[in-house]
Amino acid sequence: QVQLVESGGGLVQAGGSLRLSCAASGSGFSAYSMGWYRQAPGKQRELVASITSGGRTNNADSVKGRFTISRQNAKNTVYLQMNSLKPEDTAVYYCNAKRTLARTYDYWGQGTQVTVSS
């Protein structure tokens, strides 16, 4: 069982930066792949960036070159550094933890609002 709490969202002007944090509690954090998703009103939730337990990262085309996902296993925390923000980045951002063994374990935080003004 893993509990996830996002923080760091807020209001920022276009071109600005934010760093989101996701703090995990529970067991086995270092073994989970972690991801950041976002969902805008009327839109489906989409994957923004992910990082495996081994540190391999992947980013959506829409954020490549602007967002960076990282993790600090000693702190049970994953981060999303968001630079050069655009109004199109406005959404609720969710943290996800996923691990597949004999079954898939999938956990979600409650989300943090990011609003980018023009």
PDB file of N, CA and C in Angstrom:
ATOM      1  N   GLN A   1       0.834  -1.183   0.000  1.00  0.00           N
ATOM      2  CA  GLN A   1       0.000   0.000   0.000  1.00  0.00           C
ATOM      3  C   GLN A   1       0.881   1.251   0.000  1.00  0.00           C
ATOM      4  N   VAL A   2       0.580   2.176  -0.910  1.00  0.00           N
ATOM      5  CA  VAL A   2       1.332   3.411  -1.055  1.00  0.00           C
ATOM      6  C   VAL A   2       0.358   4.578  -1.046  1.00  0.00           C
ATOM      7  N   GLN A   3       0.693   5.612  -0.294  1.00  0.00           N
ATOM      8  CA  GLN A   3      -0.059   6.856  -0.307  1.00  0.00           C
ATOM      9  C   GLN A   3       0.800   7.942  -0.938  1.00  0.00           C
ATOM     10  N   LEU A   4       0.200   8.744  -1.812  1.00  0.00           N
ATOM     11  CA  LEU A   4       0.908   9.772  -2.558  1.00  0.00           C
ATOM     12  C   LEU A   4       0.270  11.127  -2.306  1.00  0.00           C
ATOM     13  N   VAL A   5       1.096  12.134  -2.057  1.00  0.00           N
ATOM     14  CA  VAL A   5       0.622  13.490  -1.822  1.00  0.00           C
ATOM     15  C   VAL A   5       1.419  14.442  -2.695  1.00  0.00           C
ATOM     16  N   GLU A   6       0.724  15.134  -3.606  1.00  0.00           N
ATOM     17  CA  GLU A   6       1.358  16.097  -4.488  1.00  0.00           C
ATOM     18  C   GLU A   6       1.379  17.479  -3.844  1.00  0.00           C
ATOM     19  N   SER A   7       2.374  18.266  -4.212  1.00  0.00           N
ATOM     20  CA  SER A   7       2.449  19.649  -3.772  1.00  0.00           C
ATOM     21  C   SER A   7       3.245  20.446  -4.799  1.00  0.00           C
ATOM     22  N   GLY A   8       3.178  21.762  -4.693  1.00  0.00           N
ATOM     23  CA  GLY A   8       3.965  22.631  -5.543  1.00  0.00           C
ATOM     24  C   GLY A   8       3.203  23.310  -6.657  1.00  0.00           C
ATOM     25  N   GLY A   9       1.935  22.970  -6.834  1.00  0.00           N
ATOM     26  CA  GLY A   9       1.144  23.623  -7.858  1.00  0.00           C
ATOM     27  C   GLY A   9       0.820  25.055  -7.481  1.00  0.00           C
ATOM     28  N   GLY A  10       0.299  25.786  -8.452  1.00  0.00           N
ATOM     29  CA  GLY A  10      -0.055  27.166  -8.213  1.00  0.00           C
ATOM     30  C   GLY A  10      -0.293  27.902  -9.505  1.00  0.00           C
ATOM     31  N   LEU A  11      -0.309  29.220  -9.395  1.00  0.00           N
ATOM     32  CA  LEU A  11      -0.521  30.110 -10.532  1.00  0.00           C
ATOM     33  C   LEU A  11       0.806  30.708 -10.954  1.00  0.00           C
ATOM     34  N   VAL A  12       1.097  30.634 -12.246  1.00  0.00           N
ATOM     35  CA  VAL A  12       2.344  31.163 -12.774  1.00  0.00           C
ATOM     36  C   VAL A  12       2.083  31.762 -14.150  1.00  0.00           C
ATOM     37  N   GLN A  13       2.860  32.767 -14.506  1.00  0.00           N
ATOM     38  CA  GLN A  13       2.734  33.367 -15.829  1.00  0.00           C
ATOM     39  C   GLN A  13       3.457  32.534 -16.878  1.00  0.00           C
ATOM     40  N   ALA A  14       2.998  32.650 -18.113  1.00  0.00           N
ATOM     41  CA  ALA A  14       3.641  31.949 -19.211  1.00  0.00           C
ATOM     42  C   ALA A  14       5.130  32.261 -19.248  1.00  0.00           C
ATOM     43  N   GLY A  15       5.927  31.226 -19.458  1.00  0.00           N
ATOM     44  CA  GLY A  15       7.372  31.364 -19.450  1.00  0.00           C
ATOM     45  C   GLY A  15       8.009  31.098 -18.107  1.00  0.00           C
ATOM     46  N   GLY A  16       7.203  30.997 -17.074  1.00  0.00           N
ATOM     47  CA  GLY A  16       7.715  30.759 -15.739  1.00  0.00           C
ATOM     48  C   GLY A  16       7.943  29.296 -15.449  1.00  0.00           C
ATOM     49  N   SER A  17       8.300  29.022 -14.195  1.00  0.00           N
ATOM     50  CA  SER A  17       8.657  27.669 -13.777  1.00  0.00           C
ATOM     51  C   SER A  17       7.958  27.287 -12.484  1.00  0.00           C
ATOM     52  N   LEU A  18       7.724  25.998 -12.324  1.00  0.00           N
ATOM     53  CA  LEU A  18       7.233  25.409 -11.092  1.00  0.00           C
ATOM     54  C   LEU A  18       7.919  24.071 -10.898  1.00  0.00           C
ATOM     55  N   ARG A  19       8.057  23.659  -9.655  1.00  0.00           N
ATOM     56  CA  ARG A  19       8.523  22.318  -9.356  1.00  0.00           C
ATOM     57  C   ARG A  19       7.474  21.609  -8.514  1.00  0.00           C
ATOM     58  N   LEU A  20       6.932  20.534  -9.053  1.00  0.00           N
ATOM     59  CA  LEU A  20       5.975  19.719  -8.334  1.00  0.00           C
ATOM     60  C   LEU A  20       6.701  18.620  -7.571  1.00  0.00           C
ATOM     61  N   SER A  21       6.183  18.293  -6.403  1.00  0.00           N
ATOM     62  CA  SER A  21       6.728  17.214  -5.599  1.00  0.00           C
ATOM     63  C   SER A  21       5.636  16.203  -5.300  1.00  0.00           C
ATOM     64  N   CYS A  22       6.024  14.958  -5.218  1.00  0.00           N
ATOM     65  CA  CYS A  22       5.116  13.883  -4.839  1.00  0.00           C
ATOM     66  C   CYS A  22       5.789  13.076  -3.749  1.00  0.00           C
ATOM     67  N   ALA A  23       5.247  13.157  -2.551  1.00  0.00           N
ATOM     68  CA  ALA A  23       5.792  12.447  -1.404  1.00  0.00           C
ATOM     69  C   ALA A  23       5.025  11.153  -1.197  1.00  0.00           C
ATOM     70  N   ALA A  24       5.750  10.061  -1.104  1.00  0.00           N
ATOM     71  CA  ALA A  24       5.150   8.745  -0.960  1.00  0.00           C
ATOM     72  C   ALA A  24       5.373   8.204   0.439  1.00  0.00           C
ATOM     73  N   SER A  25       4.361   7.549   0.956  1.00  0.00           N
ATOM     74  CA  SER A  25       4.501   6.796   2.195  1.00  0.00           C
ATOM     75  C   SER A  25       4.055   5.368   1.938  1.00  0.00           C
ATOM     76  N   GLY A  26       4.562   4.460   2.734  1.00  0.00           N
ATOM     77  CA  GLY A  26       4.309   3.052   2.527  1.00  0.00           C
ATOM     78  C   GLY A  26       5.604   2.324   2.257  1.00  0.00           C
ATOM     79  N   SER A  27       5.497   1.131   1.741  1.00  0.00           N
ATOM     80  CA  SER A  27       6.673   0.303   1.549  1.00  0.00           C
ATOM     81  C   SER A  27       7.025   0.166   0.075  1.00  0.00           C
ATOM     82  N   GLY A  28       8.296  -0.021  -0.196  1.00  0.00           N
ATOM     83  CA  GLY A  28       8.764  -0.400  -1.515  1.00  0.00           C
ATOM     84  C   GLY A  28       8.830   0.700  -2.554  1.00  0.00           C
ATOM     85  N   PHE A  29       8.972   1.964  -2.128  1.00  0.00           N
ATOM     86  CA  PHE A  29       8.956   3.079  -3.075  1.00  0.00           C
ATOM     87  C   PHE A  29       9.978   2.909  -4.194  1.00  0.00           C
ATOM     88  N   SER A  30      11.192   2.508  -3.852  1.00  0.00           N
ATOM     89  CA  SER A  30      12.255   2.443  -4.845  1.00  0.00           C
ATOM     90  C   SER A  30      11.977   1.425  -5.938  1.00  0.00           C
ATOM     91  N   ALA A  31      11.069   0.488  -5.705  1.00  0.00           N
ATOM     92  CA  ALA A  31      10.757  -0.532  -6.692  1.00  0.00           C
ATOM     93  C   ALA A  31       9.662  -0.108  -7.670  1.00  0.00           C
ATOM     94  N   TYR A  32       9.026   1.023  -7.422  1.00  0.00           N
ATOM     95  CA  TYR A  32       7.926   1.486  -8.266  1.00  0.00           C
ATOM     96  C   TYR A  32       8.418   2.355  -9.408  1.00  0.00           C
ATOM     97  N   SER A  33       7.777   2.215 -10.550  1.00  0.00           N
ATOM     98  CA  SER A  33       7.868   3.229 -11.574  1.00  0.00           C
ATOM     99  C   SER A  33       6.933   4.365 -11.198  1.00  0.00           C
ATOM    100  N   MET A  34       7.382   5.585 -11.416  1.00  0.00           N
ATOM    101  CA  MET A  34       6.614   6.758 -11.033  1.00  0.00           C
ATOM    102  C   MET A  34       6.273   7.580 -12.270  1.00  0.00           C
ATOM    103  N   GLY A  35       5.129   8.223 -12.224  1.00  0.00           N
ATOM    104  CA  GLY A  35       4.722   9.046 -13.342  1.00  0.00           C
ATOM    105  C   GLY A  35       3.963  10.277 -12.910  1.00  0.00           C
ATOM    106  N   TRP A  36       4.022  11.280 -13.758  1.00  0.00           N
ATOM    107  CA  TRP A  36       3.185  12.464 -13.619  1.00  0.00           C
ATOM    108  C   TRP A  36       2.188  12.484 -14.770  1.00  0.00           C
ATOM    109  N   TYR A  37       0.926  12.616 -14.430  1.00  0.00           N
ATOM    110  CA  TYR A  37      -0.159  12.749 -15.390  1.00  0.00           C
ATOM    111  C   TYR A  37      -0.825  14.098 -15.189  1.00  0.00           C
ATOM    112  N   ARG A  38      -1.566  14.528 -16.184  1.00  0.00           N
ATOM    113  CA  ARG A  38      -2.344  15.751 -16.022  1.00  0.00           C
ATOM    114  C   ARG A  38      -3.695  15.598 -16.706  1.00  0.00           C
ATOM    115  N   GLN A  39      -4.655  16.360 -16.213  1.00  0.00           N
ATOM    116  CA  GLN A  39      -5.999  16.335 -16.760  1.00  0.00           C
ATOM    117  C   GLN A  39      -6.582  17.740 -16.727  1.00  0.00           C
ATOM    118  N   ALA A  40      -6.929  18.239 -17.892  1.00  0.00           N
ATOM    119  CA  ALA A  40      -7.595  19.521 -18.023  1.00  0.00           C
ATOM    120  C   ALA A  40      -9.100  19.293 -18.097  1.00  0.00           C
ATOM    121  N   PRO A  41      -9.911  20.301 -17.761  1.00  0.00           N
ATOM    122  CA  PRO A  41     -11.362  20.133 -17.817  1.00  0.00           C
ATOM    123  C   PRO A  41     -11.833  19.673 -19.193  1.00  0.00           C
ATOM    124  N   GLY A  42     -12.666  18.642 -19.209  1.00  0.00           N
ATOM    125  CA  GLY A  42     -13.189  18.115 -20.452  1.00  0.00           C
ATOM    126  C   GLY A  42     -12.221  17.268 -21.249  1.00  0.00           C
ATOM    127  N   LYS A  43     -11.028  17.034 -20.722  1.00  0.00           N
ATOM    128  CA  LYS A  43     -10.012  16.256 -21.416  1.00  0.00           C
ATOM    129  C   LYS A  43      -9.721  14.972 -20.660  1.00  0.00           C
ATOM    130  N   GLN A  44      -9.189  13.993 -21.372  1.00  0.00           N
ATOM    131  CA  GLN A  44      -8.766  12.760 -20.732  1.00  0.00           C
ATOM    132  C   GLN A  44      -7.426  12.964 -20.038  1.00  0.00           C
ATOM    133  N   ARG A  45      -7.209  12.175 -19.003  1.00  0.00           N
ATOM    134  CA  ARG A  45      -5.936  12.221 -18.307  1.00  0.00           C
ATOM    135  C   ARG A  45      -4.831  11.710 -19.228  1.00  0.00           C
ATOM    136  N   GLU A  46      -3.700  12.412 -19.256  1.00  0.00           N
ATOM    137  CA  GLU A  46      -2.607  12.046 -20.132  1.00  0.00           C
ATOM    138  C   GLU A  46      -1.302  11.955 -19.353  1.00  0.00           C
ATOM    139  N   LEU A  47      -0.443  11.064 -19.805  1.00  0.00           N
ATOM    140  CA  LEU A  47       0.873  10.908 -19.202  1.00  0.00           C
ATOM    141  C   LEU A  47       1.774  12.052 -19.639  1.00  0.00           C
ATOM    142  N   VAL A  48       2.419  12.687 -18.671  1.00  0.00           N
ATOM    143  CA  VAL A  48       3.339  13.779 -18.939  1.00  0.00           C
ATOM    144  C   VAL A  48       4.781  13.285 -18.947  1.00  0.00           C
ATOM    145  N   ALA A  49       5.158  12.550 -17.913  1.00  0.00           N
ATOM    146  CA  ALA A  49       6.523  12.054 -17.789  1.00  0.00           C
ATOM    147  C   ALA A  49       6.532  10.866 -16.855  1.00  0.00           C
ATOM    148  N   SER A  50       7.491   9.979 -17.033  1.00  0.00           N
ATOM    149  CA  SER A  50       7.620   8.807 -16.184  1.00  0.00           C
ATOM    150  C   SER A  50       9.084   8.521 -15.911  1.00  0.00           C
ATOM    151  N   ILE A  51       9.317   7.799 -14.826  1.00  0.00           N
ATOM    152  CA  ILE A  51      10.672   7.392 -14.463  1.00  0.00           C
ATOM    153  C   ILE A  51      10.594   6.013 -13.827  1.00  0.00           C
ATOM    154  N   THR A  52      11.439   5.103 -14.290  1.00  0.00           N
ATOM    155  CA  THR A  52      11.433   3.745 -13.777  1.00  0.00           C
ATOM    156  C   THR A  52      12.230   3.655 -12.491  1.00  0.00           C
ATOM    157  N   SER A  53      12.161   2.488 -11.853  1.00  0.00           N
ATOM    158  CA  SER A  53      12.942   2.261 -10.649  1.00  0.00           C
ATOM    159  C   SER A  53      14.437   2.376 -10.921  1.00  0.00           C
ATOM    160  N   GLY A  54      14.849   2.118 -12.161  1.00  0.00           N
ATOM    161  CA  GLY A  54      16.245   2.240 -12.538  1.00  0.00           C
ATOM    162  C   GLY A  54      16.652   3.607 -13.029  1.00  0.00           C
ATOM    163  N   GLY A  55      15.708   4.543 -13.083  1.00  0.00           N
ATOM    164  CA  GLY A  55      16.029   5.905 -13.457  1.00  0.00           C
ATOM    165  C   GLY A  55      15.833   6.255 -14.922  1.00  0.00           C
ATOM    166  N   ARG A  56      15.299   5.339 -15.711  1.00  0.00           N
ATOM    167  CA  ARG A  56      15.024   5.660 -17.105  1.00  0.00           C
ATOM    168  C   ARG A  56      13.807   6.564 -17.194  1.00  0.00           C
ATOM    169  N   THR A  57      13.911   7.635 -17.969  1.00  0.00           N
ATOM    170  CA  THR A  57      12.836   8.617 -18.066  1.00  0.00           C
ATOM    171  C   THR A  57      12.219   8.635 -19.448  1.00  0.00           C
ATOM    172  N   ASN A  58      10.986   9.094 -19.497  1.00  0.00           N
ATOM    173  CA  ASN A  58      10.279   9.280 -20.748  1.00  0.00           C
ATOM    174  C   ASN A  58       9.378  10.495 -20.591  1.00  0.00           C
ATOM    175  N   ASN A  59       9.199  11.241 -21.665  1.00  0.00           N
ATOM    176  CA  ASN A  59       8.404  12.454 -21.630  1.00  0.00           C
ATOM    177  C   ASN A  59       7.460  12.506 -22.812  1.00  0.00           C
ATOM    178  N   ALA A  60       6.299  13.080 -22.583  1.00  0.00           N
ATOM    179  CA  ALA A  60       5.377  13.326 -23.676  1.00  0.00           C
ATOM    180  C   ALA A  60       5.979  14.341 -24.637  1.00  0.00           C
ATOM    181  N   ASP A  61       5.645  14.213 -25.918  1.00  0.00           N
ATOM    182  CA  ASP A  61       6.191  15.126 -26.917  1.00  0.00           C
ATOM    183  C   ASP A  61       5.883  16.584 -26.590  1.00  0.00           C
ATOM    184  N   SER A  62       4.734  16.833 -25.986  1.00  0.00           N
ATOM    185  CA  SER A  62       4.311  18.192 -25.719  1.00  0.00           C
ATOM    186  C   SER A  62       5.160  18.898 -24.667  1.00  0.00           C
ATOM    187  N   VAL A  63       5.919  18.138 -23.879  1.00  0.00           N
ATOM    188  CA  VAL A  63       6.711  18.743 -22.805  1.00  0.00           C
ATOM    189  C   VAL A  63       8.201  18.496 -22.950  1.00  0.00           C
ATOM    190  N   LYS A  64       8.624  17.781 -23.980  1.00  0.00           N
ATOM    191  CA  LYS A  64      10.041  17.498 -24.166  1.00  0.00           C
ATOM    192  C   LYS A  64      10.837  18.797 -24.283  1.00  0.00           C
ATOM    193  N   GLY A  65      11.948  18.844 -23.563  1.00  0.00           N
ATOM    194  CA  GLY A  65      12.772  20.031 -23.547  1.00  0.00           C
ATOM    195  C   GLY A  65      12.348  21.061 -22.536  1.00  0.00           C
ATOM    196  N   ARG A  66      11.198  20.865 -21.895  1.00  0.00           N
ATOM    197  CA  ARG A  66      10.695  21.828 -20.921  1.00  0.00           C
ATOM    198  C   ARG A  66      10.532  21.231 -19.522  1.00  0.00           C
ATOM    199  N   PHE A  67      10.086  19.973 -19.438  1.00  0.00           N
ATOM    200  CA  PHE A  67       9.834  19.331 -18.148  1.00  0.00           C
ATOM    201  C   PHE A  67      10.884  18.265 -17.885  1.00  0.00           C
ATOM    202  N   THR A  68      11.234  18.069 -16.622  1.00  0.00           N
ATOM    203  CA  THR A  68      12.176  17.041 -16.216  1.00  0.00           C
ATOM    204  C   THR A  68      11.635  16.310 -14.996  1.00  0.00           C
ATOM    205  N   ILE A  69      11.539  14.995 -15.091  1.00  0.00           N
ATOM    206  CA  ILE A  69      11.123  14.178 -13.962  1.00  0.00           C
ATOM    207  C   ILE A  69      12.371  13.602 -13.294  1.00  0.00           C
ATOM    208  N   SER A  70      12.346  13.529 -11.973  1.00  0.00           N
ATOM    209  CA  SER A  70      13.456  12.959 -11.224  1.00  0.00           C
ATOM    210  C   SER A  70      12.923  12.339  -9.951  1.00  0.00           C
ATOM    211  N   ARG A  71      13.755  11.547  -9.294  1.00  0.00           N
ATOM    212  CA  ARG A  71      13.334  10.937  -8.039  1.00  0.00           C
ATOM    213  C   ARG A  71      14.494  10.899  -7.064  1.00  0.00           C
ATOM    214  N   GLN A  72      14.168  10.982  -5.784  1.00  0.00           N
ATOM    215  CA  GLN A  72      15.118  10.810  -4.705  1.00  0.00           C
ATOM    216  C   GLN A  72      14.573   9.705  -3.815  1.00  0.00           C
ATOM    217  N   ASN A  73      15.068   8.510  -4.018  1.00  0.00           N
ATOM    218  CA  ASN A  73      14.530   7.357  -3.300  1.00  0.00           C
ATOM    219  C   ASN A  73      14.746   7.466  -1.793  1.00  0.00           C
ATOM    220  N   ALA A  74      15.835   8.101  -1.376  1.00  0.00           N
ATOM    221  CA  ALA A  74      16.089   8.253   0.049  1.00  0.00           C
ATOM    222  C   ALA A  74      15.029   9.106   0.724  1.00  0.00           C
ATOM    223  N   LYS A  75      14.363   9.962  -0.047  1.00  0.00           N
ATOM    224  CA  LYS A  75      13.303  10.815   0.476  1.00  0.00           C
ATOM    225  C   LYS A  75      11.919  10.339   0.070  1.00  0.00           C
ATOM    226  N   ASN A  76      11.832   9.214  -0.631  1.00  0.00           N
ATOM    227  CA  ASN A  76      10.550   8.699  -1.123  1.00  0.00           C
ATOM    228  C   ASN A  76       9.776   9.776  -1.881  1.00  0.00           C
ATOM    229  N   THR A  77      10.471  10.481  -2.756  1.00  0.00           N
ATOM    230  CA  THR A  77       9.877  11.631  -3.424  1.00  0.00           C
ATOM    231  C   THR A  77      10.233  11.637  -4.903  1.00  0.00           C
ATOM    232  N   VAL A  78       9.255  12.001  -5.723  1.00  0.00           N
ATOM    233  CA  VAL A  78       9.470  12.215  -7.147  1.00  0.00           C
ATOM    234  C   VAL A  78       9.119  13.664  -7.459  1.00  0.00           C
ATOM    235  N   TYR A  79       9.845  14.256  -8.405  1.00  0.00           N
ATOM    236  CA  TYR A  79       9.689  15.657  -8.737  1.00  0.00           C
ATOM    237  C   TYR A  79       9.365  15.826 -10.214  1.00  0.00           C
ATOM    238  N   LEU A  80       8.721  16.930 -10.521  1.00  0.00           N
ATOM    239  CA  LEU A  80       8.542  17.345 -11.902  1.00  0.00           C
ATOM    240  C   LEU A  80       8.935  18.813 -11.993  1.00  0.00           C
ATOM    241  N   GLN A  81      10.092  19.069 -12.593  1.00  0.00           N
ATOM    242  CA  GLN A  81      10.533  20.435 -12.833  1.00  0.00           C
ATOM    243  C   GLN A  81       9.912  20.909 -14.136  1.00  0.00           C
ATOM    244  N   MET A  82       9.155  21.980 -14.069  1.00  0.00           N
ATOM    245  CA  MET A  82       8.401  22.491 -15.203  1.00  0.00           C
ATOM    246  C   MET A  82       8.931  23.876 -15.550  1.00  0.00           C
ATOM    247  N   ASN A  83       9.556  23.991 -16.711  1.00  0.00           N
ATOM    248  CA  ASN A  83      10.101  25.256 -17.187  1.00  0.00           C
ATOM    249  C   ASN A  83       9.386  25.693 -18.457  1.00  0.00           C
ATOM    250  N   SER A  84       9.528  26.959 -18.789  1.00  0.00           N
ATOM    251  CA  SER A  84       8.922  27.519 -20.003  1.00  0.00           C
ATOM    252  C   SER A  84       7.449  27.157 -20.105  1.00  0.00           C
ATOM    253  N   LEU A  85       6.732  27.361 -19.028  1.00  0.00           N
ATOM    254  CA  LEU A  85       5.335  26.956 -18.973  1.00  0.00           C
ATOM    255  C   LEU A  85       4.481  27.734 -19.959  1.00  0.00           C
ATOM    256  N   LYS A  86       3.498  27.038 -20.499  1.00  0.00           N
ATOM    257  CA  LYS A  86       2.560  27.592 -21.461  1.00  0.00           C
ATOM    258  C   LYS A  86       1.151  27.489 -20.913  1.00  0.00           C
ATOM    259  N   PRO A  87       0.228  28.343 -21.363  1.00  0.00           N
ATOM    260  CA  PRO A  87      -1.161  28.215 -20.925  1.00  0.00           C
ATOM    261  C   PRO A  87      -1.745  26.832 -21.179  1.00  0.00           C
ATOM    262  N   GLU A  88      -1.291  26.154 -22.222  1.00  0.00           N
ATOM    263  CA  GLU A  88      -1.765  24.815 -22.526  1.00  0.00           C
ATOM    264  C   GLU A  88      -1.365  23.778 -21.482  1.00  0.00           C
ATOM    265  N   ASP A  89      -0.434  24.131 -20.598  1.00  0.00           N
ATOM    266  CA  ASP A  89      -0.032  23.235 -19.521  1.00  0.00           C
ATOM    267  C   ASP A  89      -0.989  23.272 -18.339  1.00  0.00           C
ATOM    268  N   THR A  90      -1.954  24.174 -18.351  1.00  0.00           N
ATOM    269  CA  THR A  90      -2.907  24.292 -17.254  1.00  0.00           C
ATOM    270  C   THR A  90      -3.699  22.996 -17.100  1.00  0.00           C
ATOM    271  N   ALA A  91      -3.670  22.427 -15.904  1.00  0.00           N
ATOM    272  CA  ALA A  91      -4.336  21.162 -15.631  1.00  0.00           C
ATOM    273  C   ALA A  91      -4.148  20.815 -14.163  1.00  0.00           C
ATOM    274  N   VAL A  92      -4.852  19.783 -13.732  1.00  0.00           N
ATOM    275  CA  VAL A  92      -4.549  19.154 -12.459  1.00  0.00           C
ATOM    276  C   VAL A  92      -3.506  18.082 -12.727  1.00  0.00           C
ATOM    277  N   TYR A  93      -2.423  18.130 -11.976  1.00  0.00           N
ATOM    278  CA  TYR A  93      -1.323  17.192 -12.156  1.00  0.00           C
ATOM    279  C   TYR A  93      -1.376  16.134 -11.066  1.00  0.00           C
ATOM    280  N   TYR A  94      -1.298  14.874 -11.492  1.00  0.00           N
ATOM    281  CA  TYR A  94      -1.424  13.736 -10.596  1.00  0.00           C
ATOM    282  C   TYR A  94      -0.146  12.912 -10.586  1.00  0.00           C
ATOM    283  N   CYS A  95       0.211  12.442  -9.419  1.00  0.00           N
ATOM    284  CA  CYS A  95       1.330  11.534  -9.242  1.00  0.00           C
ATOM    285  C   CYS A  95       0.819  10.095  -9.263  1.00  0.00           C
ATOM    286  N   ASN A  96       1.585   9.218  -9.884  1.00  0.00           N
ATOM    287  CA  ASN A  96       1.212   7.815 -10.001  1.00  0.00           C
ATOM    288  C   ASN A  96       2.391   6.928  -9.644  1.00  0.00           C
ATOM    289  N   ALA A  97       2.102   5.843  -8.939  1.00  0.00           N
ATOM    290  CA  ALA A  97       3.089   4.809  -8.642  1.00  0.00           C
ATOM    291  C   ALA A  97       2.568   3.486  -9.175  1.00  0.00           C
ATOM    292  N   LYS A  98       3.419   2.766  -9.898  1.00  0.00           N
ATOM    293  CA  LYS A  98       2.989   1.529 -10.529  1.00  0.00           C
ATOM    294  C   LYS A  98       4.077   0.475 -10.418  1.00  0.00           C
ATOM    295  N   ARG A  99       3.647  -0.750 -10.112  1.00  0.00           N
ATOM    296  CA  ARG A  99       4.564  -1.874 -10.000  1.00  0.00           C
ATOM    297  C   ARG A  99       3.852  -3.129 -10.455  1.00  0.00           C
ATOM    298  N   THR A 100       4.502  -3.884 -11.315  1.00  0.00           N
ATOM    299  CA  THR A 100       3.917  -5.115 -11.829  1.00  0.00           C
ATOM    300  C   THR A 100       4.779  -6.297 -11.432  1.00  0.00           C
ATOM    301  N   LEU A 101       4.213  -7.225 -10.722  1.00  0.00           N
ATOM    302  CA  LEU A 101       4.851  -8.490 -10.390  1.00  0.00           C
ATOM    303  C   LEU A 101       3.890  -9.587 -10.836  1.00  0.00           C
ATOM    304  N   ALA A 102       3.355 -10.345  -9.905  1.00  0.00           N
ATOM    305  CA  ALA A 102       2.318 -11.301 -10.248  1.00  0.00           C
ATOM    306  C   ALA A 102       1.003 -10.596 -10.570  1.00  0.00           C
ATOM    307  N   ARG A 103       0.831  -9.402 -10.049  1.00  0.00           N
ATOM    308  CA  ARG A 103      -0.300  -8.541 -10.342  1.00  0.00           C
ATOM    309  C   ARG A 103       0.204  -7.114 -10.435  1.00  0.00           C
ATOM    310  N   THR A 104      -0.639  -6.226 -10.933  1.00  0.00           N
ATOM    311  CA  THR A 104      -0.276  -4.829 -11.073  1.00  0.00           C
ATOM    312  C   THR A 104      -0.785  -4.029  -9.886  1.00  0.00           C
ATOM    313  N   TYR A 105       0.106  -3.247  -9.294  1.00  0.00           N
ATOM    314  CA  TYR A 105      -0.237  -2.330  -8.218  1.00  0.00           C
ATOM    315  C   TYR A 105      -0.158  -0.916  -8.773  1.00  0.00           C
ATOM    316  N   ASP A 106      -1.208  -0.144  -8.573  1.00  0.00           N
ATOM    317  CA  ASP A 106      -1.343   1.155  -9.211  1.00  0.00           C
ATOM    318  C   ASP A 106      -1.966   2.130  -8.213  1.00  0.00           C
ATOM    319  N   TYR A 107      -1.235   3.191  -7.865  1.00  0.00           N
ATOM    320  CA  TYR A 107      -1.683   4.140  -6.858  1.00  0.00           C
ATOM    321  C   TYR A 107      -1.645   5.555  -7.405  1.00  0.00           C
ATOM    322  N   TRP A 108      -2.559   6.386  -6.920  1.00  0.00           N
ATOM    323  CA  TRP A 108      -2.700   7.764  -7.390  1.00  0.00           C
ATOM    324  C   TRP A 108      -2.780   8.731  -6.227  1.00  0.00           C
ATOM    325  N   GLY A 109      -2.192   9.909  -6.415  1.00  0.00           N
ATOM    326  CA  GLY A 109      -2.417  11.008  -5.506  1.00  0.00           C
ATOM    327  C   GLY A 109      -3.689  11.747  -5.860  1.00  0.00           C
ATOM    328  N   GLN A 110      -4.027  12.759  -5.070  1.00  0.00           N
ATOM    329  CA  GLN A 110      -5.253  13.512  -5.285  1.00  0.00           C
ATOM    330  C   GLN A 110      -5.094  14.669  -6.257  1.00  0.00           C
ATOM    331  N   GLY A 111      -3.877  15.004  -6.616  1.00  0.00           N
ATOM    332  CA  GLY A 111      -3.637  16.011  -7.628  1.00  0.00           C
ATOM    333  C   GLY A 111      -3.315  17.383  -7.063  1.00  0.00           C
ATOM    334  N   THR A 112      -2.634  18.180  -7.874  1.00  0.00           N
ATOM    335  CA  THR A 112      -2.336  19.564  -7.540  1.00  0.00           C
ATOM    336  C   THR A 112      -2.578  20.420  -8.779  1.00  0.00           C
ATOM    337  N   GLN A 113      -3.238  21.554  -8.592  1.00  0.00           N
ATOM    338  CA  GLN A 113      -3.633  22.412  -9.705  1.00  0.00           C
ATOM    339  C   GLN A 113      -2.469  23.269 -10.166  1.00  0.00           C
ATOM    340  N   VAL A 114      -2.240  23.268 -11.476  1.00  0.00           N
ATOM    341  CA  VAL A 114      -1.278  24.159 -12.110  1.00  0.00           C
ATOM    342  C   VAL A 114      -2.042  25.039 -13.087  1.00  0.00           C
ATOM    343  N   THR A 115      -1.929  26.343 -12.918  1.00  0.00           N
ATOM    344  CA  THR A 115      -2.588  27.292 -13.802  1.00  0.00           C
ATOM    345  C   THR A 115      -1.542  28.235 -14.377  1.00  0.00           C
ATOM    346  N   VAL A 116      -1.488  28.316 -15.694  1.00  0.00           N
ATOM    347  CA  VAL A 116      -0.518  29.154 -16.391  1.00  0.00           C
ATOM    348  C   VAL A 116      -1.283  30.247 -17.121  1.00  0.00           C
ATOM    349  N   SER A 117      -1.028  31.485 -16.773  1.00  0.00           N
ATOM    350  CA  SER A 117      -1.705  32.614 -17.383  1.00  0.00           C
ATOM    351  C   SER A 117      -0.894  33.146 -18.556  1.00  0.00           C
ATOM    352  N   SER A 118      -1.587  33.714 -19.526  1.00  0.00           N
ATOM    353  CA  SER A 118      -0.934  34.251 -20.710  1.00  0.00           C
ATOM    354  C   SER A 118      -0.386  35.642 -20.464  1.00  0.00           C
TER     355      SER A 118
END
